[in-house]
Every structure is written in structure tokens, then in C-alpha cells.
All heavy atoms as atom14 arrays in JSON, in Angstrom:
{
  "sequence": "TGEGQFELTKMGVLESARGRKAGEFLLHAVIARARALGAERLYLLSN",
  "atom14_mask": [
    [1, 1, 1, 1, 1, 1, 1, 0, 0, 0, 0, 0, 0, 0],
    [1, 1, 1, 1, 0, 0, 0, 0, 0, 0, 0, 0, 0, 0],
    [1, 1, 1, 1, 1, 1, 1, 1, 1, 0, 0, 0, 0, 0],
    [1, 1, 1, 1, 0, 0, 0, 0, 0, 0, 0, 0, 0, 0],
    [1, 1, 1, 1, 1, 1, 1, 1, 1, 0, 0, 0, 0, 0],
    [1, 1, 1, 1, 1, 1, 1, 1, 1, 1, 1, 0, 0, 0],
    [1, 1, 1, 1, 1, 1, 1, 1, 1, 0, 0, 0, 0, 0],
    [1, 1, 1, 1, 1, 1, 1, 1, 0, 0, 0, 0, 0, 0],
    [1, 1, 1, 1, 1, 1, 1, 0, 0, 0, 0, 0, 0, 0],
    [1, 1, 1, 1, 1, 1, 1, 1, 1, 0, 0, 0, 0, 0],
    [1, 1, 1, 1, 1, 1, 1, 1, 0, 0, 0, 0, 0, 0],
    [1, 1, 1, 1, 0, 0, 0, 0, 0, 0, 0, 0, 0, 0],
    [1, 1, 1, 1, 1, 1, 1, 0, 0, 0, 0, 0, 0, 0],
    [1, 1, 1, 1, 1, 1, 1, 1, 0, 0, 0, 0, 0, 0],
    [1, 1, 1, 1, 1, 1, 1, 1, 1, 0, 0, 0, 0, 0],
    [1, 1, 1, 1, 1, 1, 0, 0, 0, 0, 0, 0, 0, 0],
    [1, 1, 1, 1, 1, 0, 0, 0, 0, 0, 0, 0, 0, 0],
    [1, 1, 1, 1, 1, 1, 1, 1, 1, 1, 1, 0, 0, 0],
    [1, 1, 1, 1, 0, 0, 0, 0, 0, 0, 0, 0, 0, 0],
    [1, 1, 1, 1, 1, 1, 1, 1, 1, 1, 1, 0, 0, 0],
    [1, 1, 1, 1, 1, 1, 1, 1, 1, 0, 0, 0, 0, 0],
    [1, 1, 1, 1, 1, 0, 0, 0, 0, 0, 0, 0, 0, 0],
    [1, 1, 1, 1, 0, 0, 0, 0, 0, 0, 0, 0, 0, 0],
    [1, 1, 1, 1, 1, 1, 1, 1, 1, 0, 0, 0, 0, 0],
    [1, 1, 1, 1, 1, 1, 1, 1, 1, 1, 1, 0, 0, 0],
    [1, 1, 1, 1, 1, 1, 1, 1, 0, 0, 0, 0, 0, 0],
    [1, 1, 1, 1, 1, 1, 1, 1, 0, 0, 0, 0, 0, 0],
    [1, 1, 1, 1, 1, 1, 1, 1, 1, 1, 0, 0, 0, 0],
    [1, 1, 1, 1, 1, 0, 0, 0, 0, 0, 0, 0, 0, 0],
    [1, 1, 1, 1, 1, 1, 1, 0, 0, 0, 0, 0, 0, 0],
    [1, 1, 1, 1, 1, 1, 1, 1, 0, 0, 0, 0, 0, 0],
    [1, 1, 1, 1, 1, 0, 0, 0, 0, 0, 0, 0, 0, 0],
    [1, 1, 1, 1, 1, 1, 1, 1, 1, 1, 1, 0, 0, 0],
    [1, 1, 1, 1, 1, 0, 0, 0, 0, 0, 0, 0, 0, 0],
    [1, 1, 1, 1, 1, 1, 1, 1, 1, 1, 1, 0, 0, 0],
    [1, 1, 1, 1, 1, 0, 0, 0, 0, 0, 0, 0, 0, 0],
    [1, 1, 1, 1, 1, 1, 1, 1, 0, 0, 0, 0, 0, 0],
    [1, 1, 1, 1, 0, 0, 0, 0, 0, 0, 0, 0, 0, 0],
    [1, 1, 1, 1, 1, 0, 0, 0, 0, 0, 0, 0, 0, 0],
    [1, 1, 1, 1, 1, 1, 1, 1, 1, 0, 0, 0, 0, 0],
    [1, 1, 1, 1, 1, 1, 1, 1, 1, 1, 1, 0, 0, 0],
    [1, 1, 1, 1, 1, 1, 1, 1, 0, 0, 0, 0, 0, 0],
    [1, 1, 1, 1, 1, 1, 1, 1, 1, 1, 1, 1, 0, 0],
    [1, 1, 1, 1, 1, 1, 1, 1, 0, 0, 0, 0, 0, 0],
    [1, 1, 1, 1, 1, 1, 1, 1, 0, 0, 0, 0, 0, 0],
    [1, 1, 1, 1, 1, 1, 0, 0, 0, 0, 0, 0, 0, 0],
    [1, 1, 1, 1, 1, 1, 1, 1, 0, 0, 0, 0, 0, 0]
  ],
  "atom14_positions": [
    [[13.81, -0.99, 47.06], [13.12, -2.2, 47.52], [13.98, -3.03, 48.47], [13.59, -4.13, 48.85], [12.7, -3.08, 46.31], [13.87, -3.4, 45.55], [11.7, -2.35, 45.43], [0.0, 0.0, 0.0], [0.0, 0.0, 0.0], [0.0, 0.0, 0.0], [0.0, 0.0, 0.0], [0.0, 0.0, 0.0], [0.0, 0.0, 0.0], [0.0, 0.0, 0.0]],
    [[15.12, -2.49, 48.84], [16.01, -3.18, 49.76], [17.32, -2.43, 49.82], [17.52, -1.45, 49.08], [0.0, 0.0, 0.0], [0.0, 0.0, 0.0], [0.0, 0.0, 0.0], [0.0, 0.0, 0.0], [0.0, 0.0, 0.0], [0.0, 0.0, 0.0], [0.0, 0.0, 0.0], [0.0, 0.0, 0.0], [0.0, 0.0, 0.0], [0.0, 0.0, 0.0]],
    [[18.22, -2.85, 50.68], [19.52, -2.19, 50.79], [20.28, -2.33, 49.48], [20.53, -3.44, 49.01], [20.33, -2.81, 51.94], [21.53, -1.98, 52.32], [21.2, -0.56, 52.73], [20.2, -0.35, 53.45], [21.94, 0.36, 52.32], [0.0, 0.0, 0.0], [0.0, 0.0, 0.0], [0.0, 0.0, 0.0], [0.0, 0.0, 0.0], [0.0, 0.0, 0.0]],
    [[20.59, -1.2, 48.83], [21.32, -1.21, 47.57], [20.53, -1.76, 46.4], [21.09, -2.1, 45.36], [0.0, 0.0, 0.0], [0.0, 0.0, 0.0], [0.0, 0.0, 0.0], [0.0, 0.0, 0.0], [0.0, 0.0, 0.0], [0.0, 0.0, 0.0], [0.0, 0.0, 0.0], [0.0, 0.0, 0.0], [0.0, 0.0, 0.0], [0.0, 0.0, 0.0]],
    [[19.2, -1.85, 46.55], [18.36, -2.48, 45.53], [17.23, -1.54, 45.11], [16.53, -1.0, 45.97], [17.78, -3.76, 46.13], [16.84, -4.51, 45.22], [16.51, -5.85, 45.82], [17.29, -6.77, 45.72], [15.35, -5.97, 46.44], [0.0, 0.0, 0.0], [0.0, 0.0, 0.0], [0.0, 0.0, 0.0], [0.0, 0.0, 0.0], [0.0, 0.0, 0.0]],
    [[17.07, -1.36, 43.8], [16.06, -0.45, 43.27], [15.31, -1.09, 42.11], [15.9, -1.77, 41.28], [16.71, 0.85, 42.77], [17.29, 1.68, 43.86], [18.57, 1.42, 44.33], [16.56, 2.71, 44.44], [19.12, 2.18, 45.36], [17.1, 3.47, 45.47], [18.38, 3.21, 45.93], [0.0, 0.0, 0.0], [0.0, 0.0, 0.0], [0.0, 0.0, 0.0]],
    [[14.01, -0.81, 42.07], [13.2, -1.17, 40.93], [13.0, 0.06, 40.06], [12.58, 1.11, 40.55], [11.83, -1.7, 41.37], [10.93, -2.05, 40.19], [9.52, -2.45, 40.6], [9.23, -2.55, 41.8], [8.69, -2.64, 39.68], [0.0, 0.0, 0.0], [0.0, 0.0, 0.0], [0.0, 0.0, 0.0], [0.0, 0.0, 0.0], [0.0, 0.0, 0.0]],
    [[13.33, -0.04, 38.79], [13.02, 1.0, 37.82], [11.55, 0.79, 37.49], [11.16, -0.28, 37.02], [13.9, 0.84, 36.58], [13.8, 1.93, 35.54], [15.13, 2.05, 34.81], [12.68, 1.69, 34.56], [0.0, 0.0, 0.0], [0.0, 0.0, 0.0], [0.0, 0.0, 0.0], [0.0, 0.0, 0.0], [0.0, 0.0, 0.0], [0.0, 0.0, 0.0]],
    [[10.72, 1.77, 37.79], [9.28, 1.58, 37.66], [8.58, 2.85, 37.21], [9.15, 3.95, 37.3], [8.69, 1.07, 39.0], [7.33, 0.72, 38.82], [8.84, 2.09, 40.11], [0.0, 0.0, 0.0], [0.0, 0.0, 0.0], [0.0, 0.0, 0.0], [0.0, 0.0, 0.0], [0.0, 0.0, 0.0], [0.0, 0.0, 0.0], [0.0, 0.0, 0.0]],
    [[7.4, 2.69, 36.73], [6.56, 3.81, 36.32], [7.28, 4.73, 35.34], [7.35, 5.93, 35.51], [6.05, 4.6, 37.53], [5.31, 3.76, 38.55], [4.03, 3.18, 37.96], [3.28, 2.32, 38.95], [3.59, 0.9, 38.84], [0.0, 0.0, 0.0], [0.0, 0.0, 0.0], [0.0, 0.0, 0.0], [0.0, 0.0, 0.0], [0.0, 0.0, 0.0]],
    [[7.82, 4.13, 34.28], [8.46, 4.92, 33.23], [7.46, 5.1, 32.09], [6.98, 4.13, 31.53], [9.71, 4.24, 32.7], [10.38, 5.06, 31.62], [12.02, 4.45, 31.22], [12.34, 5.44, 29.78], [0.0, 0.0, 0.0], [0.0, 0.0, 0.0], [0.0, 0.0, 0.0], [0.0, 0.0, 0.0], [0.0, 0.0, 0.0], [0.0, 0.0, 0.0]],
    [[7.17, 6.35, 31.81], [6.24, 6.64, 30.73], [6.62, 7.93, 30.02], [7.22, 8.83, 30.61], [0.0, 0.0, 0.0], [0.0, 0.0, 0.0], [0.0, 0.0, 0.0], [0.0, 0.0, 0.0], [0.0, 0.0, 0.0], [0.0, 0.0, 0.0], [0.0, 0.0, 0.0], [0.0, 0.0, 0.0], [0.0, 0.0, 0.0], [0.0, 0.0, 0.0]],
    [[6.28, 8.0, 28.74], [6.49, 9.2, 27.93], [5.18, 9.46, 27.19], [4.57, 8.54, 26.65], [7.66, 9.01, 26.94], [7.76, 10.2, 26.0], [8.97, 8.79, 27.67], [0.0, 0.0, 0.0], [0.0, 0.0, 0.0], [0.0, 0.0, 0.0], [0.0, 0.0, 0.0], [0.0, 0.0, 0.0], [0.0, 0.0, 0.0], [0.0, 0.0, 0.0]],
    [[4.76, 10.71, 27.19], [3.52, 11.07, 26.5], [3.62, 10.8, 25.02], [4.69, 10.96, 24.41], [3.22, 12.57, 26.71], [2.91, 13.0, 28.14], [2.74, 14.51, 28.2], [1.67, 12.3, 28.69], [0.0, 0.0, 0.0], [0.0, 0.0, 0.0], [0.0, 0.0, 0.0], [0.0, 0.0, 0.0], [0.0, 0.0, 0.0], [0.0, 0.0, 0.0]],
    [[2.5, 10.39, 24.42], [2.49, 10.12, 22.99], [2.94, 11.33, 22.18], [3.59, 11.19, 21.15], [1.09, 9.69, 22.54], [0.77, 8.26, 22.92], [-0.52, 7.78, 22.3], [-0.78, 8.1, 21.12], [-1.26, 7.08, 23.0], [0.0, 0.0, 0.0], [0.0, 0.0, 0.0], [0.0, 0.0, 0.0], [0.0, 0.0, 0.0], [0.0, 0.0, 0.0]],
    [[2.63, 12.53, 22.66], [2.98, 13.75, 21.93], [4.49, 13.94, 21.79], [4.95, 14.7, 20.94], [2.4, 14.98, 22.63], [2.91, 15.09, 23.95], [0.0, 0.0, 0.0], [0.0, 0.0, 0.0], [0.0, 0.0, 0.0], [0.0, 0.0, 0.0], [0.0, 0.0, 0.0], [0.0, 0.0, 0.0], [0.0, 0.0, 0.0], [0.0, 0.0, 0.0]],
    [[5.27, 13.23, 22.61], [6.73, 13.38, 22.58], [7.44, 12.17, 21.97], [8.67, 12.16, 21.88], [7.26, 13.62, 23.99], [0.0, 0.0, 0.0], [0.0, 0.0, 0.0], [0.0, 0.0, 0.0], [0.0, 0.0, 0.0], [0.0, 0.0, 0.0], [0.0, 0.0, 0.0], [0.0, 0.0, 0.0], [0.0, 0.0, 0.0], [0.0, 0.0, 0.0]],
    [[6.68, 11.17, 21.58], [7.32, 9.97, 21.04], [8.07, 10.32, 19.76], [7.67, 11.2, 19.01], [6.27, 8.89, 20.8], [5.58, 8.53, 22.1], [5.52, 7.08, 22.42], [5.04, 6.88, 23.78], [3.83, 6.49, 24.11], [2.95, 6.21, 23.18], [3.5, 6.34, 25.38], [0.0, 0.0, 0.0], [0.0, 0.0, 0.0], [0.0, 0.0, 0.0]],
    [[9.21, 9.64, 19.56], [10.02, 9.91, 18.39], [11.12, 10.93, 18.64], [11.97, 11.14, 17.78], [0.0, 0.0, 0.0], [0.0, 0.0, 0.0], [0.0, 0.0, 0.0], [0.0, 0.0, 0.0], [0.0, 0.0, 0.0], [0.0, 0.0, 0.0], [0.0, 0.0, 0.0], [0.0, 0.0, 0.0], [0.0, 0.0, 0.0], [0.0, 0.0, 0.0]],
    [[11.12, 11.54, 19.79], [12.13, 12.54, 20.14], [13.27, 11.95, 20.97], [14.13, 12.69, 21.44], [11.51, 13.69, 20.94], [10.53, 14.51, 20.15], [9.9, 15.55, 21.07], [8.99, 16.39, 20.33], [9.17, 17.69, 20.15], [10.23, 18.29, 20.66], [8.31, 18.39, 19.47], [0.0, 0.0, 0.0], [0.0, 0.0, 0.0], [0.0, 0.0, 0.0]],
    [[13.23, 10.64, 21.22], [14.24, 9.95, 22.04], [14.18, 10.37, 23.51], [15.15, 10.23, 24.24], [15.65, 10.15, 21.49], [15.81, 9.7, 20.05], [16.39, 8.33, 20.02], [16.68, 7.91, 18.58], [16.66, 6.51, 18.41], [0.0, 0.0, 0.0], [0.0, 0.0, 0.0], [0.0, 0.0, 0.0], [0.0, 0.0, 0.0], [0.0, 0.0, 0.0]],
    [[13.04, 10.91, 23.94], [12.87, 11.35, 25.32], [12.98, 10.17, 26.29], [13.58, 10.29, 27.36], [11.54, 12.06, 25.5], [0.0, 0.0, 0.0], [0.0, 0.0, 0.0], [0.0, 0.0, 0.0], [0.0, 0.0, 0.0], [0.0, 0.0, 0.0], [0.0, 0.0, 0.0], [0.0, 0.0, 0.0], [0.0, 0.0, 0.0], [0.0, 0.0, 0.0]],
    [[12.44, 9.02, 25.9], [12.51, 7.84, 26.77], [13.94, 7.36, 26.95], [14.36, 7.03, 28.06], [0.0, 0.0, 0.0], [0.0, 0.0, 0.0], [0.0, 0.0, 0.0], [0.0, 0.0, 0.0], [0.0, 0.0, 0.0], [0.0, 0.0, 0.0], [0.0, 0.0, 0.0], [0.0, 0.0, 0.0], [0.0, 0.0, 0.0], [0.0, 0.0, 0.0]],
    [[14.7, 7.33, 25.87], [16.09, 6.91, 25.95], [16.91, 7.89, 26.79], [17.72, 7.49, 27.63], [16.68, 6.8, 24.55], [18.09, 6.25, 24.54], [18.61, 5.97, 23.13], [17.8, 5.9, 22.17], [19.84, 5.81, 23.0], [0.0, 0.0, 0.0], [0.0, 0.0, 0.0], [0.0, 0.0, 0.0], [0.0, 0.0, 0.0], [0.0, 0.0, 0.0]],
    [[16.69, 9.18, 26.59], [17.37, 10.22, 27.35], [17.07, 10.06, 28.84], [17.97, 10.1, 29.69], [16.9, 11.58, 26.84], [17.62, 12.76, 27.42], [18.92, 13.05, 27.04], [16.98, 13.61, 28.31], [19.58, 14.17, 27.57], [17.62, 14.72, 28.82], [18.93, 15.0, 28.46], [0.0, 0.0, 0.0], [0.0, 0.0, 0.0], [0.0, 0.0, 0.0]],
    [[15.79, 9.83, 29.15], [15.36, 9.65, 30.54], [15.96, 8.38, 31.14], [16.45, 8.39, 32.27], [13.83, 9.59, 30.59], [13.17, 9.37, 31.95], [13.57, 10.45, 32.95], [11.66, 9.31, 31.79], [0.0, 0.0, 0.0], [0.0, 0.0, 0.0], [0.0, 0.0, 0.0], [0.0, 0.0, 0.0], [0.0, 0.0, 0.0], [0.0, 0.0, 0.0]],
    [[15.96, 7.29, 30.39], [16.48, 6.03, 30.9], [17.97, 6.13, 31.22], [18.42, 5.62, 32.25], [16.21, 4.89, 29.91], [16.53, 3.48, 30.39], [15.84, 3.15, 31.72], [16.13, 2.46, 29.33], [0.0, 0.0, 0.0], [0.0, 0.0, 0.0], [0.0, 0.0, 0.0], [0.0, 0.0, 0.0], [0.0, 0.0, 0.0], [0.0, 0.0, 0.0]],
    [[18.74, 6.79, 30.37], [20.17, 7.01, 30.67], [20.32, 7.75, 32.0], [21.16, 7.4, 32.83], [20.84, 7.82, 29.56], [21.29, 7.02, 28.38], [22.33, 6.13, 28.44], [20.83, 6.99, 27.11], [22.5, 5.58, 27.25], [21.61, 6.08, 26.42], [0.0, 0.0, 0.0], [0.0, 0.0, 0.0], [0.0, 0.0, 0.0], [0.0, 0.0, 0.0]],
    [[19.51, 8.79, 32.2], [19.57, 9.59, 33.42], [19.18, 8.77, 34.65], [19.8, 8.9, 35.72], [18.68, 10.82, 33.3], [0.0, 0.0, 0.0], [0.0, 0.0, 0.0], [0.0, 0.0, 0.0], [0.0, 0.0, 0.0], [0.0, 0.0, 0.0], [0.0, 0.0, 0.0], [0.0, 0.0, 0.0], [0.0, 0.0, 0.0], [0.0, 0.0, 0.0]],
    [[18.19, 7.91, 34.51], [17.73, 7.1, 35.63], [18.79, 6.06, 36.02], [19.03, 5.84, 37.21], [16.37, 6.43, 35.29], [16.0, 5.38, 36.32], [15.29, 7.5, 35.22], [0.0, 0.0, 0.0], [0.0, 0.0, 0.0], [0.0, 0.0, 0.0], [0.0, 0.0, 0.0], [0.0, 0.0, 0.0], [0.0, 0.0, 0.0], [0.0, 0.0, 0.0]],
    [[19.44, 5.47, 35.05], [20.51, 4.51, 35.34], [21.65, 5.22, 36.09], [22.16, 4.72, 37.08], [21.02, 3.82, 34.06], [19.93, 2.89, 33.51], [22.31, 3.05, 34.32], [20.19, 2.38, 32.09], [0.0, 0.0, 0.0], [0.0, 0.0, 0.0], [0.0, 0.0, 0.0], [0.0, 0.0, 0.0], [0.0, 0.0, 0.0], [0.0, 0.0, 0.0]],
    [[22.01, 6.41, 35.62], [23.06, 7.19, 36.3], [22.63, 7.55, 37.72], [23.44, 7.49, 38.65], [23.37, 8.46, 35.5], [0.0, 0.0, 0.0], [0.0, 0.0, 0.0], [0.0, 0.0, 0.0], [0.0, 0.0, 0.0], [0.0, 0.0, 0.0], [0.0, 0.0, 0.0], [0.0, 0.0, 0.0], [0.0, 0.0, 0.0], [0.0, 0.0, 0.0]],
    [[21.36, 7.89, 37.89], [20.86, 8.24, 39.23], [20.87, 7.02, 40.14], [21.19, 7.13, 41.33], [19.44, 8.83, 39.12], [18.86, 9.27, 40.43], [19.62, 10.45, 41.02], [19.03, 10.84, 42.28], [19.72, 11.0, 43.41], [21.04, 10.87, 43.41], [19.11, 11.34, 44.51], [0.0, 0.0, 0.0], [0.0, 0.0, 0.0], [0.0, 0.0, 0.0]],
    [[20.55, 5.85, 39.62], [20.59, 4.62, 40.42], [22.01, 4.38, 40.93], [22.2, 4.05, 42.11], [20.1, 3.44, 39.59], [0.0, 0.0, 0.0], [0.0, 0.0, 0.0], [0.0, 0.0, 0.0], [0.0, 0.0, 0.0], [0.0, 0.0, 0.0], [0.0, 0.0, 0.0], [0.0, 0.0, 0.0], [0.0, 0.0, 0.0], [0.0, 0.0, 0.0]],
    [[22.98, 4.56, 40.06], [24.38, 4.42, 40.49], [24.71, 5.42, 41.59], [25.36, 5.08, 42.58], [25.32, 4.63, 39.31], [25.34, 3.52, 38.29], [26.37, 3.85, 37.19], [26.25, 3.04, 36.02], [26.72, 1.8, 35.88], [27.35, 1.22, 36.87], [26.55, 1.14, 34.76], [0.0, 0.0, 0.0], [0.0, 0.0, 0.0], [0.0, 0.0, 0.0]],
    [[24.28, 6.67, 41.42], [24.56, 7.73, 42.41], [23.9, 7.42, 43.76], [24.43, 7.8, 44.81], [24.07, 9.08, 41.88], [0.0, 0.0, 0.0], [0.0, 0.0, 0.0], [0.0, 0.0, 0.0], [0.0, 0.0, 0.0], [0.0, 0.0, 0.0], [0.0, 0.0, 0.0], [0.0, 0.0, 0.0], [0.0, 0.0, 0.0], [0.0, 0.0, 0.0]],
    [[22.78, 6.71, 43.72], [22.09, 6.33, 44.96], [22.7, 5.09, 45.6], [22.24, 4.64, 46.64], [20.6, 6.08, 44.69], [19.75, 7.32, 44.38], [18.36, 6.91, 43.91], [19.67, 8.23, 45.6], [0.0, 0.0, 0.0], [0.0, 0.0, 0.0], [0.0, 0.0, 0.0], [0.0, 0.0, 0.0], [0.0, 0.0, 0.0], [0.0, 0.0, 0.0]],
    [[23.72, 4.53, 44.95], [24.4, 3.36, 45.51], [23.77, 2.03, 45.15], [23.97, 1.04, 45.85], [0.0, 0.0, 0.0], [0.0, 0.0, 0.0], [0.0, 0.0, 0.0], [0.0, 0.0, 0.0], [0.0, 0.0, 0.0], [0.0, 0.0, 0.0], [0.0, 0.0, 0.0], [0.0, 0.0, 0.0], [0.0, 0.0, 0.0], [0.0, 0.0, 0.0]],
    [[23.04, 2.01, 44.06], [22.38, 0.76, 43.65], [23.41, -0.32, 43.36], [24.39, -0.1, 42.65], [21.52, 0.99, 42.41], [0.0, 0.0, 0.0], [0.0, 0.0, 0.0], [0.0, 0.0, 0.0], [0.0, 0.0, 0.0], [0.0, 0.0, 0.0], [0.0, 0.0, 0.0], [0.0, 0.0, 0.0], [0.0, 0.0, 0.0], [0.0, 0.0, 0.0]],
    [[23.18, -1.48, 43.93], [23.97, -2.67, 43.63], [23.16, -3.61, 42.76], [23.7, -4.49, 42.11], [24.36, -3.37, 44.94], [25.24, -2.49, 45.83], [25.39, -3.04, 47.25], [24.96, -4.18, 47.51], [25.91, -2.3, 48.09], [0.0, 0.0, 0.0], [0.0, 0.0, 0.0], [0.0, 0.0, 0.0], [0.0, 0.0, 0.0], [0.0, 0.0, 0.0]],
    [[21.86, -3.38, 42.75], [20.94, -4.2, 41.96], [19.84, -3.27, 41.43], [19.18, -2.58, 42.19], [20.35, -5.27, 42.87], [19.67, -6.41, 42.17], [19.39, -7.48, 43.23], [18.73, -8.62, 42.67], [17.86, -9.36, 43.35], [17.59, -9.09, 44.61], [17.29, -10.39, 42.79], [0.0, 0.0, 0.0], [0.0, 0.0, 0.0], [0.0, 0.0, 0.0]],
    [[19.68, -3.26, 40.11], [18.66, -2.44, 39.45], [17.87, -3.37, 38.54], [18.43, -4.01, 37.66], [19.31, -1.31, 38.65], [18.38, -0.42, 37.83], [17.38, 0.31, 38.72], [19.19, 0.57, 36.99], [0.0, 0.0, 0.0], [0.0, 0.0, 0.0], [0.0, 0.0, 0.0], [0.0, 0.0, 0.0], [0.0, 0.0, 0.0], [0.0, 0.0, 0.0]],
    [[16.57, -3.43, 38.76], [15.74, -4.34, 37.98], [14.45, -3.65, 37.58], [14.11, -2.56, 38.08], [15.45, -5.62, 38.77], [14.58, -5.4, 39.98], [13.2, -5.57, 39.91], [15.13, -5.02, 41.21], [12.4, -5.35, 41.01], [14.34, -4.82, 42.31], [12.96, -4.98, 42.22], [12.17, -4.76, 43.32], [0.0, 0.0, 0.0], [0.0, 0.0, 0.0]],
    [[13.72, -4.28, 36.68], [12.41, -3.77, 36.28], [11.48, -4.94, 35.99], [11.92, -6.06, 35.71], [12.53, -2.84, 35.08], [13.06, -3.42, 33.77], [11.94, -4.07, 32.93], [13.73, -2.33, 32.95], [0.0, 0.0, 0.0], [0.0, 0.0, 0.0], [0.0, 0.0, 0.0], [0.0, 0.0, 0.0], [0.0, 0.0, 0.0], [0.0, 0.0, 0.0]],
    [[10.2, -4.64, 36.06], [9.14, -5.6, 35.76], [8.3, -5.0, 34.64], [8.01, -3.8, 34.67], [8.27, -5.84, 36.99], [9.03, -6.3, 38.24], [8.09, -6.32, 39.45], [9.63, -7.68, 38.02], [0.0, 0.0, 0.0], [0.0, 0.0, 0.0], [0.0, 0.0, 0.0], [0.0, 0.0, 0.0], [0.0, 0.0, 0.0], [0.0, 0.0, 0.0]],
    [[7.93, -5.81, 33.66], [7.18, -5.27, 32.53], [6.25, -6.35, 31.97], [6.01, -7.37, 32.61], [8.16, -4.77, 31.45], [7.47, -4.05, 30.47], [0.0, 0.0, 0.0], [0.0, 0.0, 0.0], [0.0, 0.0, 0.0], [0.0, 0.0, 0.0], [0.0, 0.0, 0.0], [0.0, 0.0, 0.0], [0.0, 0.0, 0.0], [0.0, 0.0, 0.0]],
    [[5.76, -6.1, 30.77], [4.88, -7.03, 30.09], [5.29, -7.07, 28.62], [5.66, -6.04, 28.05], [3.42, -6.57, 30.22], [2.46, -7.54, 29.57], [2.34, -7.58, 28.35], [1.77, -8.32, 30.37], [0.0, 0.0, 0.0], [0.0, 0.0, 0.0], [0.0, 0.0, 0.0], [0.0, 0.0, 0.0], [0.0, 0.0, 0.0], [0.0, 0.0, 0.0]]
  ]
}
């Protein structure tokens, strides 16, 4: 969304996989990927 700026968005896990820690595993990977992309600012919008 800007130079060095990323929105973590559209994160979803199917109900059939809930309880397997798939969301946590994915979120760790996404944070690492944001760093690799040079993110200086990582944010999210939710409800």
C-alpha cells in the first residue's frame, strides 16, 4: 500500500482445518514474508 508498507489482508482458513493451528502457522510465514519484502510497516484491518 506504499513504499515499505503492507496490509495483511484476506486471511482465511477453511472450517474443515480449524484446530490444526493452520492459521497461526500461516501468520508466522506471512510476517516472515513481509520482512523479506522489506516491510517497514505491516498493518491489518478487521472487525
